[in-house]
């Protein structure tokens, strides 16, 4: 459907004395005045119907022209809108919808489109470079006895603790009585008893008493 061009009927309007002879009365004059006004009203209502239409291929947007927009095809509002939707739904590599949508800078990521940022996010967890691996960028809550605020740092701290035990690297004076069991027969109990017995023997020896086992 095209937008109709308005024209009076007759085209010459009141100049056409056949259609509009000199009115014989005020009532006749009013009737003549209403003829072109009714024609204008009919035309405006027709335009209203055109722009309110929602029929595919003949909607109001199909009748509104538009200038060229870079990156889009179409010369009507309807065509441009359809092209935008098509672009946003596209899944072609390098021409997907996410490639079409721009994005502001995000600290720690590179890319100026949604697609580029998503691809960069995927590379970050896979990184294995020392100091900037995936584990280096994943934060963690504090763990008692473990240092670090990232997965990488806490893993390194745990490895250090494990190496200290497994490889015999227990620091000097790190095992205290408080860490040993006080149960009868346990290491602390046996050592304490042995120490006491040794002290008693030394006491008797200093006094000339010979111990016979």
N, C-alpha and C. Protein backbone atom coordinates (compact mmCIF):
# COMPACT_ATOMS: atom_id res chain seq x y z
N UNK A 1 0.84 -1.19 0.00
CA UNK A 1 0.00 0.00 0.00
C UNK A 1 0.88 1.25 0.00
N UNK A 2 0.55 2.15 -0.92
CA UNK A 2 1.29 3.41 -0.98
C UNK A 2 0.49 4.51 -0.30
N UNK A 3 1.18 5.55 0.09
CA UNK A 3 0.51 6.68 0.72
C UNK A 3 -0.14 7.53 -0.37
N UNK A 4 -1.47 7.70 -0.32
CA UNK A 4 -2.15 8.46 -1.38
C UNK A 4 -1.82 9.94 -1.33
N UNK A 5 -1.74 10.54 -2.48
CA UNK A 5 -1.52 11.99 -2.57
C UNK A 5 -2.87 12.69 -2.51
N UNK A 6 -2.94 13.73 -1.72
CA UNK A 6 -4.22 14.42 -1.57
C UNK A 6 -4.49 15.34 -2.75
N UNK A 7 -5.76 15.35 -3.16
CA UNK A 7 -6.21 16.28 -4.21
C UNK A 7 -7.70 16.54 -4.01
N UNK A 8 -8.09 17.78 -4.24
CA UNK A 8 -9.52 18.11 -4.13
C UNK A 8 -10.27 17.52 -5.32
N UNK A 9 -11.54 17.27 -5.07
CA UNK A 9 -12.45 16.85 -6.14
C UNK A 9 -13.63 17.84 -6.18
N UNK A 10 -13.70 18.59 -7.25
CA UNK A 10 -12.80 18.65 -8.41
C UNK A 10 -11.47 19.27 -8.04
N UNK A 11 -10.46 19.01 -8.87
CA UNK A 11 -9.10 19.44 -8.57
C UNK A 11 -8.97 20.94 -8.41
N UNK A 12 -9.84 21.70 -9.10
CA UNK A 12 -9.76 23.16 -9.02
C UNK A 12 -10.53 23.74 -7.84
N UNK A 13 -11.15 22.87 -7.07
CA UNK A 13 -11.85 23.32 -5.87
C UNK A 13 -12.98 24.29 -6.16
N UNK A 14 -13.03 25.35 -5.37
CA UNK A 14 -14.12 26.33 -5.53
C UNK A 14 -14.07 27.07 -6.86
N UNK A 15 -12.96 26.97 -7.55
CA UNK A 15 -12.88 27.63 -8.86
C UNK A 15 -13.79 26.95 -9.87
N UNK A 16 -14.14 25.72 -9.61
CA UNK A 16 -15.03 25.01 -10.50
C UNK A 16 -16.47 25.45 -10.22
N UNK A 17 -16.97 26.31 -11.05
CA UNK A 17 -18.31 26.87 -10.81
C UNK A 17 -19.43 25.90 -11.15
N UNK A 18 -19.05 24.82 -11.83
CA UNK A 18 -20.08 23.81 -12.10
C UNK A 18 -20.43 23.07 -10.82
N UNK A 19 -19.38 22.69 -10.10
CA UNK A 19 -19.60 21.99 -8.83
C UNK A 19 -19.97 22.98 -7.72
N UNK A 20 -19.37 24.15 -7.81
CA UNK A 20 -19.62 25.15 -6.77
C UNK A 20 -20.16 26.44 -7.39
N UNK A 21 -21.41 26.43 -7.80
CA UNK A 21 -22.00 27.68 -8.33
C UNK A 21 -22.19 28.68 -7.20
N UNK A 22 -22.42 29.90 -7.54
CA UNK A 22 -22.67 30.90 -6.51
C UNK A 22 -23.86 30.46 -5.66
N UNK A 23 -23.60 30.35 -4.34
CA UNK A 23 -24.67 29.86 -3.47
C UNK A 23 -25.84 30.85 -3.42
N UNK A 24 -27.00 30.26 -3.37
CA UNK A 24 -28.21 31.10 -3.33
C UNK A 24 -28.55 31.51 -1.91
N UNK A 25 -27.93 30.85 -0.94
CA UNK A 25 -28.25 31.19 0.45
C UNK A 25 -27.07 30.85 1.34
N UNK A 26 -27.20 31.26 2.60
CA UNK A 26 -26.15 30.92 3.56
C UNK A 26 -26.05 29.44 3.78
N UNK A 27 -27.18 28.75 3.78
CA UNK A 27 -27.17 27.30 3.97
C UNK A 27 -26.45 26.62 2.81
N UNK A 28 -26.69 27.08 1.60
CA UNK A 28 -26.02 26.51 0.43
C UNK A 28 -24.53 26.77 0.48
N UNK A 29 -24.13 27.93 0.99
CA UNK A 29 -22.71 28.27 1.10
C UNK A 29 -22.03 27.33 2.09
N UNK A 30 -22.71 27.07 3.19
CA UNK A 30 -22.13 26.18 4.21
C UNK A 30 -21.96 24.77 3.64
N UNK A 31 -22.91 24.31 2.88
CA UNK A 31 -22.81 22.99 2.27
C UNK A 31 -21.62 22.91 1.31
N UNK A 32 -21.44 23.99 0.54
CA UNK A 32 -20.29 24.00 -0.38
C UNK A 32 -18.97 23.99 0.39
N UNK A 33 -18.89 24.71 1.50
CA UNK A 33 -17.66 24.75 2.31
C UNK A 33 -17.34 23.38 2.91
N UNK A 34 -18.36 22.63 3.21
CA UNK A 34 -18.14 21.32 3.84
C UNK A 34 -17.58 20.28 2.87
N UNK A 35 -17.79 20.49 1.58
CA UNK A 35 -17.32 19.50 0.60
C UNK A 35 -15.80 19.31 0.67
N UNK A 36 -15.00 20.37 0.50
CA UNK A 36 -13.53 20.16 0.60
C UNK A 36 -13.08 19.77 2.00
N UNK A 37 -13.77 20.26 3.03
CA UNK A 37 -13.40 19.88 4.39
C UNK A 37 -13.63 18.39 4.62
N UNK A 38 -14.71 17.88 4.08
CA UNK A 38 -14.96 16.44 4.19
C UNK A 38 -13.91 15.63 3.44
N UNK A 39 -13.47 16.16 2.30
CA UNK A 39 -12.43 15.48 1.53
C UNK A 39 -11.12 15.43 2.32
N UNK A 40 -10.79 16.52 3.00
CA UNK A 40 -9.57 16.55 3.83
C UNK A 40 -9.69 15.55 4.97
N UNK A 41 -10.86 15.50 5.62
CA UNK A 41 -11.08 14.56 6.72
C UNK A 41 -10.93 13.12 6.26
N UNK A 42 -11.50 12.80 5.11
CA UNK A 42 -11.39 11.45 4.56
C UNK A 42 -9.94 11.07 4.29
N UNK A 43 -9.19 12.02 3.74
CA UNK A 43 -7.78 11.76 3.44
C UNK A 43 -6.98 11.54 4.72
N UNK A 44 -7.20 12.36 5.74
CA UNK A 44 -6.47 12.21 7.00
C UNK A 44 -6.81 10.89 7.68
N UNK A 45 -8.05 10.48 7.63
CA UNK A 45 -8.43 9.19 8.22
C UNK A 45 -7.77 8.04 7.48
N UNK A 46 -7.64 8.18 6.15
CA UNK A 46 -6.97 7.14 5.37
C UNK A 46 -5.49 7.05 5.76
N UNK A 47 -4.85 8.21 5.96
CA UNK A 47 -3.45 8.22 6.40
C UNK A 47 -3.32 7.59 7.79
N UNK A 48 -4.25 7.91 8.66
CA UNK A 48 -4.24 7.35 10.02
C UNK A 48 -4.31 5.82 9.96
N UNK A 49 -5.18 5.31 9.10
CA UNK A 49 -5.31 3.86 8.97
C UNK A 49 -4.02 3.23 8.45
N UNK A 50 -3.37 3.91 7.53
CA UNK A 50 -2.11 3.39 6.97
C UNK A 50 -1.03 3.29 8.04
N UNK A 51 -0.88 4.34 8.83
CA UNK A 51 0.19 4.36 9.82
C UNK A 51 -0.11 3.51 11.05
N UNK A 52 -1.39 3.18 11.26
CA UNK A 52 -1.75 2.31 12.38
C UNK A 52 -1.77 0.84 11.98
N UNK A 53 -1.61 0.55 10.72
CA UNK A 53 -1.71 -0.84 10.23
C UNK A 53 -0.60 -1.71 10.81
N UNK A 54 -0.93 -2.96 11.09
CA UNK A 54 0.05 -3.92 11.61
C UNK A 54 0.15 -5.15 10.71
N UNK A 55 -0.39 -5.05 9.51
CA UNK A 55 -0.32 -6.16 8.56
C UNK A 55 1.11 -6.33 8.05
N UNK A 56 1.59 -7.58 8.05
CA UNK A 56 2.95 -7.83 7.59
C UNK A 56 3.11 -7.37 6.15
N UNK A 57 4.10 -6.56 5.91
CA UNK A 57 4.36 -6.05 4.58
C UNK A 57 3.60 -4.79 4.25
N UNK A 58 2.65 -4.41 5.10
CA UNK A 58 1.88 -3.19 4.85
C UNK A 58 1.59 -2.46 6.16
N UNK A 59 2.50 -2.57 7.11
CA UNK A 59 2.33 -1.91 8.40
C UNK A 59 2.67 -0.43 8.30
N UNK A 60 2.38 0.30 9.35
CA UNK A 60 2.74 1.71 9.37
C UNK A 60 4.23 1.91 9.18
N UNK A 61 5.04 1.06 9.83
CA UNK A 61 6.50 1.18 9.72
C UNK A 61 7.00 0.90 8.32
N UNK A 62 6.22 0.10 7.56
CA UNK A 62 6.59 -0.17 6.17
C UNK A 62 6.43 1.07 5.30
N UNK A 63 5.65 2.05 5.77
CA UNK A 63 5.38 3.25 4.97
C UNK A 63 6.20 4.47 5.42
N UNK A 64 7.08 4.26 6.43
CA UNK A 64 7.91 5.37 6.91
C UNK A 64 9.32 5.19 6.37
N UNK A 65 9.74 6.09 5.53
CA UNK A 65 11.06 6.00 4.91
C UNK A 65 12.16 6.36 5.91
N UNK A 66 13.37 5.89 5.62
CA UNK A 66 14.51 6.18 6.48
C UNK A 66 15.76 6.32 5.62
N UNK A 67 16.68 7.15 6.10
CA UNK A 67 17.95 7.31 5.39
C UNK A 67 18.84 6.11 5.69
N UNK A 68 19.89 5.96 4.93
CA UNK A 68 20.81 4.83 5.09
C UNK A 68 21.52 4.90 6.45
N UNK A 69 21.62 3.75 7.11
CA UNK A 69 22.33 3.64 8.38
C UNK A 69 23.46 2.64 8.19
N UNK A 70 24.67 3.06 8.49
CA UNK A 70 25.84 2.19 8.31
C UNK A 70 25.67 0.90 9.10
N UNK A 71 25.94 -0.21 8.46
CA UNK A 71 25.84 -1.50 9.12
C UNK A 71 24.48 -2.14 9.03
N UNK A 72 23.50 -1.39 8.52
CA UNK A 72 22.14 -1.93 8.39
C UNK A 72 21.68 -1.82 6.94
N UNK A 73 20.71 -2.67 6.59
CA UNK A 73 20.13 -2.60 5.26
C UNK A 73 18.65 -2.28 5.39
N UNK A 74 18.11 -1.57 4.40
CA UNK A 74 16.70 -1.22 4.42
C UNK A 74 16.51 0.27 4.31
N UNK A 75 15.38 0.68 3.68
CA UNK A 75 15.11 2.11 3.54
C UNK A 75 13.76 2.51 4.14
N UNK A 76 13.21 1.61 4.98
CA UNK A 76 12.01 1.94 5.75
C UNK A 76 12.26 1.57 7.20
N UNK A 77 11.46 2.14 8.07
CA UNK A 77 11.61 1.82 9.50
C UNK A 77 11.43 0.32 9.73
N UNK A 78 10.45 -0.28 9.07
CA UNK A 78 10.20 -1.72 9.23
C UNK A 78 11.40 -2.54 8.80
N UNK A 79 11.96 -2.23 7.65
CA UNK A 79 13.11 -2.98 7.13
C UNK A 79 14.31 -2.85 8.05
N UNK A 80 14.54 -1.66 8.57
CA UNK A 80 15.68 -1.46 9.46
C UNK A 80 15.49 -2.22 10.78
N UNK A 81 14.27 -2.19 11.32
CA UNK A 81 14.00 -2.92 12.56
C UNK A 81 14.20 -4.42 12.36
N UNK A 82 13.72 -4.94 11.25
CA UNK A 82 13.90 -6.36 10.96
C UNK A 82 15.37 -6.71 10.80
N UNK A 83 16.13 -5.81 10.20
CA UNK A 83 17.55 -6.06 10.02
C UNK A 83 18.29 -6.05 11.35
N UNK A 84 17.86 -5.16 12.24
CA UNK A 84 18.47 -5.12 13.58
C UNK A 84 18.22 -6.43 14.32
N UNK A 85 16.96 -6.91 14.28
CA UNK A 85 16.62 -8.17 14.95
C UNK A 85 17.41 -9.33 14.35
N UNK A 86 17.52 -9.35 13.03
CA UNK A 86 18.29 -10.40 12.37
C UNK A 86 19.75 -10.37 12.82
N UNK A 87 20.29 -9.16 12.91
CA UNK A 87 21.68 -9.02 13.34
C UNK A 87 21.89 -9.50 14.76
N UNK A 88 20.94 -9.20 15.64
CA UNK A 88 21.08 -9.58 17.05
C UNK A 88 20.95 -11.09 17.24
N UNK A 89 20.23 -11.75 16.33
CA UNK A 89 20.04 -13.19 16.42
C UNK A 89 21.13 -13.98 15.70
N UNK A 90 21.97 -13.29 14.97
CA UNK A 90 22.99 -13.98 14.16
C UNK A 90 23.96 -14.75 15.04
N UNK A 91 24.39 -15.91 14.55
CA UNK A 91 25.35 -16.74 15.28
C UNK A 91 26.60 -17.03 14.43
N UNK A 92 26.75 -16.30 13.35
CA UNK A 92 27.93 -16.48 12.49
C UNK A 92 29.16 -15.92 13.20
N UNK A 93 30.25 -16.69 13.16
CA UNK A 93 31.48 -16.25 13.80
C UNK A 93 31.93 -14.91 13.23
N UNK A 94 32.22 -13.97 14.12
CA UNK A 94 32.67 -12.62 13.78
C UNK A 94 31.55 -11.72 13.27
N UNK A 95 30.35 -12.26 13.15
CA UNK A 95 29.21 -11.44 12.71
C UNK A 95 27.96 -11.82 13.50
N UNK A 96 28.17 -12.24 14.73
CA UNK A 96 27.05 -12.65 15.58
C UNK A 96 26.39 -11.43 16.22
N UNK A 97 25.29 -11.68 16.90
CA UNK A 97 24.62 -10.59 17.60
C UNK A 97 25.53 -9.94 18.64
N UNK A 98 26.31 -10.76 19.34
CA UNK A 98 27.21 -10.23 20.36
C UNK A 98 28.34 -9.41 19.76
N UNK A 99 28.69 -9.71 18.49
CA UNK A 99 29.70 -8.91 17.79
C UNK A 99 29.15 -7.54 17.42
N UNK A 100 27.83 -7.44 17.39
CA UNK A 100 27.14 -6.23 16.95
C UNK A 100 26.91 -5.23 18.10
N UNK A 101 26.97 -5.76 19.34
CA UNK A 101 26.66 -4.93 20.52
C UNK A 101 27.95 -4.45 21.18
N UNK A 102 28.12 -3.14 21.25
CA UNK A 102 29.31 -2.58 21.87
C UNK A 102 29.25 -2.65 23.38
N UNK A 103 30.39 -2.44 24.02
CA UNK A 103 30.48 -2.48 25.48
C UNK A 103 31.55 -1.52 25.95
N UNK A 104 31.35 -0.97 27.14
CA UNK A 104 32.36 -0.10 27.73
C UNK A 104 33.50 -0.96 28.27
N UNK A 105 34.62 -0.33 28.56
CA UNK A 105 35.79 -1.07 29.04
C UNK A 105 35.52 -1.68 30.41
N UNK A 106 36.05 -2.89 30.60
CA UNK A 106 35.96 -3.59 31.89
C UNK A 106 37.37 -3.88 32.35
N UNK A 107 37.68 -3.45 33.55
CA UNK A 107 39.03 -3.61 34.08
C UNK A 107 39.44 -5.09 34.09
N UNK A 108 40.59 -5.38 33.55
CA UNK A 108 41.10 -6.74 33.52
C UNK A 108 40.71 -7.53 32.29
N UNK A 109 39.83 -6.95 31.45
CA UNK A 109 39.41 -7.64 30.23
C UNK A 109 39.70 -6.76 29.02
N UNK A 110 39.83 -7.38 27.87
CA UNK A 110 40.03 -6.64 26.63
C UNK A 110 38.86 -6.90 25.70
N UNK A 111 38.53 -5.90 24.89
CA UNK A 111 37.42 -6.04 23.95
C UNK A 111 36.45 -4.88 24.05
N UNK A 112 35.86 -4.52 22.92
CA UNK A 112 34.92 -3.41 22.88
C UNK A 112 33.52 -3.86 22.48
N UNK A 113 33.33 -5.18 22.33
CA UNK A 113 32.00 -5.72 22.04
C UNK A 113 31.70 -6.82 23.05
N UNK A 114 30.42 -7.18 23.15
CA UNK A 114 30.04 -8.25 24.07
C UNK A 114 30.75 -9.56 23.69
N UNK A 115 30.84 -9.83 22.40
CA UNK A 115 31.50 -11.05 21.94
C UNK A 115 32.97 -11.08 22.35
N UNK A 116 33.65 -9.98 22.11
CA UNK A 116 35.08 -9.93 22.44
C UNK A 116 35.30 -10.10 23.94
N UNK A 117 34.45 -9.47 24.75
CA UNK A 117 34.60 -9.59 26.20
C UNK A 117 34.33 -11.01 26.66
N UNK A 118 33.30 -11.66 26.09
CA UNK A 118 33.00 -13.03 26.46
C UNK A 118 34.15 -13.96 26.10
N UNK A 119 34.72 -13.76 24.92
CA UNK A 119 35.85 -14.60 24.50
C UNK A 119 37.05 -14.37 25.41
N UNK A 120 37.24 -13.12 25.84
CA UNK A 120 38.35 -12.83 26.73
C UNK A 120 38.14 -13.45 28.10
N UNK A 121 36.89 -13.43 28.55
CA UNK A 121 36.58 -14.07 29.84
C UNK A 121 36.92 -15.55 29.79
N UNK A 122 36.64 -16.19 28.66
CA UNK A 122 36.91 -17.62 28.54
C UNK A 122 38.40 -17.92 28.54
N UNK A 123 39.22 -16.99 28.05
CA UNK A 123 40.67 -17.24 28.03
C UNK A 123 41.29 -17.06 29.41
N UNK A 124 40.68 -16.22 30.24
CA UNK A 124 41.26 -15.93 31.57
C UNK A 124 41.32 -17.17 32.45
N UNK A 125 40.23 -17.94 32.62
CA UNK A 125 40.32 -19.12 33.48
C UNK A 125 41.26 -20.20 32.94
N UNK A 126 41.50 -20.18 31.63
CA UNK A 126 42.36 -21.19 31.03
C UNK A 126 43.84 -20.80 31.06
N UNK A 127 44.14 -19.58 31.44
CA UNK A 127 45.52 -19.11 31.42
C UNK A 127 46.39 -19.89 32.40
N UNK A 128 47.63 -20.16 32.00
CA UNK A 128 48.57 -20.89 32.86
C UNK A 128 49.86 -20.10 33.08
N UNK A 129 49.84 -18.84 32.74
CA UNK A 129 51.03 -18.01 32.93
C UNK A 129 51.21 -17.71 34.41
N UNK A 130 52.45 -17.88 34.90
CA UNK A 130 52.73 -17.63 36.31
C UNK A 130 52.41 -16.18 36.66
N UNK A 131 51.60 -15.99 37.67
CA UNK A 131 51.24 -14.65 38.11
C UNK A 131 49.97 -14.13 37.48
N UNK A 132 49.51 -14.76 36.41
CA UNK A 132 48.27 -14.32 35.77
C UNK A 132 47.48 -15.51 35.24
N UNK A 133 47.52 -16.60 35.98
CA UNK A 133 46.78 -17.80 35.61
C UNK A 133 45.31 -17.64 35.99
N UNK A 134 44.50 -18.61 35.58
CA UNK A 134 43.09 -18.56 35.94
C UNK A 134 42.90 -18.53 37.44
N UNK A 135 43.69 -19.33 38.15
CA UNK A 135 43.57 -19.39 39.61
C UNK A 135 44.00 -18.09 40.28
N UNK A 136 44.82 -17.31 39.57
CA UNK A 136 45.26 -16.03 40.14
C UNK A 136 44.15 -14.99 40.17
N UNK A 137 43.11 -15.17 39.34
CA UNK A 137 42.05 -14.15 39.27
C UNK A 137 40.78 -14.57 40.00
N UNK A 138 40.81 -15.78 40.59
CA UNK A 138 39.62 -16.24 41.33
C UNK A 138 39.84 -15.99 42.81
N UNK A 139 39.05 -15.10 43.38
CA UNK A 139 39.18 -14.76 44.79
C UNK A 139 38.63 -15.84 45.71
N UNK A 140 39.08 -15.82 46.95
CA UNK A 140 38.60 -16.79 47.95
C UNK A 140 38.43 -16.10 49.29
N UNK A 141 37.63 -16.69 50.16
CA UNK A 141 37.52 -16.19 51.53
C UNK A 141 38.70 -16.72 52.33
N UNK A 142 38.93 -16.12 53.47
CA UNK A 142 40.08 -16.50 54.30
C UNK A 142 39.90 -17.92 54.86
N UNK A 143 41.01 -18.65 54.94
CA UNK A 143 41.04 -19.99 55.55
C UNK A 143 42.09 -19.96 56.66
N UNK A 144 41.67 -20.31 57.84
CA UNK A 144 42.58 -20.28 58.99
C UNK A 144 43.81 -21.16 58.73
N UNK A 145 44.97 -20.59 58.94
CA UNK A 145 46.22 -21.34 58.75
C UNK A 145 46.76 -21.31 57.34
N UNK A 146 45.96 -20.77 56.42
CA UNK A 146 46.38 -20.70 55.02
C UNK A 146 46.44 -19.23 54.61
N UNK A 147 47.46 -18.85 53.89
CA UNK A 147 47.59 -17.46 53.46
C UNK A 147 47.15 -17.31 52.01
N UNK A 148 46.74 -16.09 51.66
CA UNK A 148 46.37 -15.80 50.28
C UNK A 148 44.89 -15.47 50.13
N UNK A 149 44.59 -14.64 49.13
CA UNK A 149 43.21 -14.24 48.88
C UNK A 149 42.72 -14.72 47.52
N UNK A 150 43.53 -15.54 46.83
CA UNK A 150 43.12 -16.12 45.55
C UNK A 150 43.32 -17.63 45.62
N UNK A 151 42.72 -18.35 44.68
CA UNK A 151 42.89 -19.79 44.64
C UNK A 151 44.36 -20.16 44.47
N UNK A 152 45.05 -19.43 43.60
CA UNK A 152 46.46 -19.71 43.37
C UNK A 152 47.29 -19.52 44.64
N UNK A 153 47.07 -18.42 45.31
CA UNK A 153 47.85 -18.12 46.52
C UNK A 153 47.59 -19.15 47.61
N UNK A 154 46.34 -19.55 47.78
CA UNK A 154 46.02 -20.52 48.83
C UNK A 154 46.55 -21.91 48.48
N UNK A 155 46.53 -22.26 47.19
CA UNK A 155 47.10 -23.54 46.78
C UNK A 155 48.60 -23.58 47.06
N UNK A 156 49.27 -22.46 46.76
CA UNK A 156 50.70 -22.40 47.02
C UNK A 156 50.99 -22.47 48.52
N UNK A 157 50.13 -21.83 49.32
CA UNK A 157 50.30 -21.87 50.77
C UNK A 157 50.10 -23.29 51.29
N UNK A 158 49.08 -23.98 50.78
CA UNK A 158 48.83 -25.37 51.19
C UNK A 158 49.98 -26.28 50.80
N UNK A 159 50.52 -26.06 49.59
CA UNK A 159 51.65 -26.88 49.16
C UNK A 159 52.84 -26.69 50.09
N UNK A 160 53.04 -25.45 50.50
CA UNK A 160 54.15 -25.18 51.42
C UNK A 160 53.96 -25.91 52.74
N UNK A 161 52.73 -25.93 53.24
CA UNK A 161 52.45 -26.61 54.51
C UNK A 161 52.64 -28.12 54.36
N UNK A 162 52.18 -28.66 53.23
CA UNK A 162 52.32 -30.11 52.99
C UNK A 162 53.79 -30.50 52.83
N UNK A 163 54.54 -29.69 52.08
CA UNK A 163 55.96 -29.98 51.89
C UNK A 163 56.70 -29.97 53.21
N UNK A 164 56.31 -29.06 54.09
CA UNK A 164 57.00 -28.95 55.38
C UNK A 164 56.85 -30.22 56.20
N UNK A 165 55.70 -30.90 56.06
CA UNK A 165 55.46 -32.14 56.82
C UNK A 165 56.03 -33.35 56.09
N UNK A 166 55.68 -33.48 54.81
CA UNK A 166 56.07 -34.67 54.04
C UNK A 166 57.58 -34.75 53.84
N UNK A 167 58.21 -33.63 53.58
CA UNK A 167 59.64 -33.63 53.29
C UNK A 167 60.50 -33.47 54.54
N UNK A 168 59.89 -33.57 55.69
CA UNK A 168 60.66 -33.48 56.93
C UNK A 168 61.10 -32.08 57.26
N UNK A 169 60.47 -31.14 56.69
CA UNK A 169 60.86 -29.76 56.93
C UNK A 169 60.11 -29.14 58.08
N UNK A 170 59.94 -29.88 59.18
CA UNK A 170 59.25 -29.33 60.34
C UNK A 170 60.18 -28.34 61.03
N UNK A 171 59.75 -27.12 61.18
CA UNK A 171 60.62 -26.10 61.79
C UNK A 171 61.04 -26.50 63.21
N UNK A 172 62.23 -26.08 63.60
CA UNK A 172 62.70 -26.34 64.96
C UNK A 172 61.73 -25.75 65.98
N UNK A 173 61.56 -26.49 67.11
CA UNK A 173 60.71 -26.05 68.22
C UNK A 173 59.24 -25.86 67.82
N UNK A 174 58.82 -26.51 66.71
CA UNK A 174 57.44 -26.33 66.27
C UNK A 174 56.48 -27.31 66.95
N UNK A 175 57.03 -28.43 67.53
CA UNK A 175 56.19 -29.39 68.24
C UNK A 175 56.29 -29.11 69.73
N UNK A 176 55.19 -28.76 70.33
CA UNK A 176 55.15 -28.42 71.75
C UNK A 176 54.40 -29.48 72.53
N UNK A 177 54.53 -29.44 73.86
CA UNK A 177 53.80 -30.38 74.72
C UNK A 177 52.30 -30.31 74.47
N UNK A 178 51.82 -29.11 74.16
CA UNK A 178 50.39 -28.93 73.94
C UNK A 178 49.90 -29.71 72.74
N UNK A 179 50.81 -30.02 71.80
CA UNK A 179 50.45 -30.75 70.61
C UNK A 179 50.53 -32.27 70.78
N UNK A 180 51.10 -32.74 71.91
CA UNK A 180 51.27 -34.17 72.16
C UNK A 180 50.17 -34.69 73.08
N UNK A 181 49.80 -35.96 72.89
CA UNK A 181 48.78 -36.57 73.72
C UNK A 181 49.31 -36.83 75.13
N UNK A 182 48.44 -36.59 76.09
CA UNK A 182 48.82 -36.83 77.50
C UNK A 182 48.29 -38.17 77.99
N UNK A 183 47.75 -38.97 77.08
CA UNK A 183 47.20 -40.27 77.47
C UNK A 183 48.32 -41.19 77.95
N UNK A 184 47.97 -42.10 78.85
CA UNK A 184 48.96 -43.04 79.39
C UNK A 184 49.53 -43.89 78.26
N UNK A 185 50.85 -44.02 78.24
CA UNK A 185 51.50 -44.80 77.21
C UNK A 185 51.82 -44.04 75.96
N UNK A 186 51.31 -42.83 75.84
CA UNK A 186 51.59 -42.02 74.67
C UNK A 186 53.00 -41.46 74.78
N UNK A 187 53.50 -40.87 73.72
CA UNK A 187 54.90 -40.40 73.68
C UNK A 187 55.23 -39.49 74.85
N UNK A 188 54.37 -38.50 75.10
CA UNK A 188 54.66 -37.55 76.17
C UNK A 188 54.71 -38.25 77.52
N UNK A 189 53.80 -39.20 77.74
CA UNK A 189 53.76 -39.92 79.02
C UNK A 189 55.01 -40.77 79.20
N UNK A 190 55.42 -41.47 78.12
CA UNK A 190 56.60 -42.34 78.21
C UNK A 190 57.87 -41.51 78.44
N UNK A 191 58.01 -40.43 77.69
CA UNK A 191 59.21 -39.59 77.84
C UNK A 191 59.26 -38.97 79.23
N UNK A 192 58.12 -38.53 79.73
CA UNK A 192 58.08 -37.92 81.06
C UNK A 192 58.50 -38.93 82.14
N UNK A 193 57.97 -40.18 82.02
CA UNK A 193 58.30 -41.22 82.99
C UNK A 193 59.79 -41.58 82.91
N UNK A 194 60.29 -41.67 81.68
CA UNK A 194 61.71 -42.01 81.50
C UNK A 194 62.60 -40.91 82.06
N UNK A 195 62.21 -39.68 81.83
CA UNK A 195 63.00 -38.56 82.34
C UNK A 195 63.03 -38.58 83.87
N UNK A 196 61.88 -38.88 84.47
CA UNK A 196 61.81 -38.93 85.94
C UNK A 196 62.68 -40.06 86.48
N UNK A 197 62.63 -41.25 85.83
CA UNK A 197 63.42 -42.39 86.29
C UNK A 197 64.91 -42.09 86.16
N UNK A 198 65.30 -41.46 85.07
CA UNK A 198 66.70 -41.11 84.85
C UNK A 198 67.18 -40.14 85.92
N UNK A 199 66.34 -39.21 86.27
CA UNK A 199 66.70 -38.24 87.31
C UNK A 199 66.89 -38.93 88.65
N UNK A 200 66.02 -39.91 88.92
CA UNK A 200 66.15 -40.65 90.20
C UNK A 200 67.45 -41.44 90.23
N UNK A 201 67.83 -42.08 89.14
CA UNK A 201 69.06 -42.85 89.08
C UNK A 201 70.27 -41.96 89.28
N UNK A 202 70.24 -40.79 88.64
CA UNK A 202 71.36 -39.86 88.79
C UNK A 202 71.46 -39.38 90.22
N UNK A 203 70.35 -39.22 90.88
CA UNK A 203 70.35 -38.77 92.27
C UNK A 203 70.98 -39.83 93.18
N UNK A 204 70.58 -41.09 92.96
CA UNK A 204 71.12 -42.17 93.78
C UNK A 204 72.61 -42.37 93.51
N UNK A 205 73.00 -42.26 92.25
CA UNK A 205 74.40 -42.45 91.88
C UNK A 205 75.30 -41.44 92.56
N UNK A 206 74.80 -40.21 92.63
CA UNK A 206 75.62 -39.17 93.27
C UNK A 206 75.79 -39.43 94.76
N UNK A 207 75.01 -40.32 95.29
CA UNK A 207 75.09 -40.62 96.70
C UNK A 207 75.68 -42.01 96.95
N UNK A 208 76.31 -42.57 95.95
CA UNK A 208 77.03 -43.84 96.09
C UNK A 208 76.15 -45.04 96.05
N UNK A 209 74.90 -44.85 95.65
CA UNK A 209 74.01 -46.00 95.57
C UNK A 209 74.05 -46.57 94.15
N UNK A 210 74.39 -47.82 94.05
CA UNK A 210 74.50 -48.43 92.73
C UNK A 210 73.17 -49.08 92.37
N UNK A 211 72.72 -48.76 91.20
CA UNK A 211 71.44 -49.31 90.74
C UNK A 211 71.69 -50.69 90.12
N UNK A 212 70.94 -51.65 90.57
CA UNK A 212 71.06 -53.01 90.03
C UNK A 212 69.74 -53.32 89.32
N UNK A 213 69.75 -53.39 87.94
CA UNK A 213 68.53 -53.63 87.16
C UNK A 213 68.23 -55.11 87.07
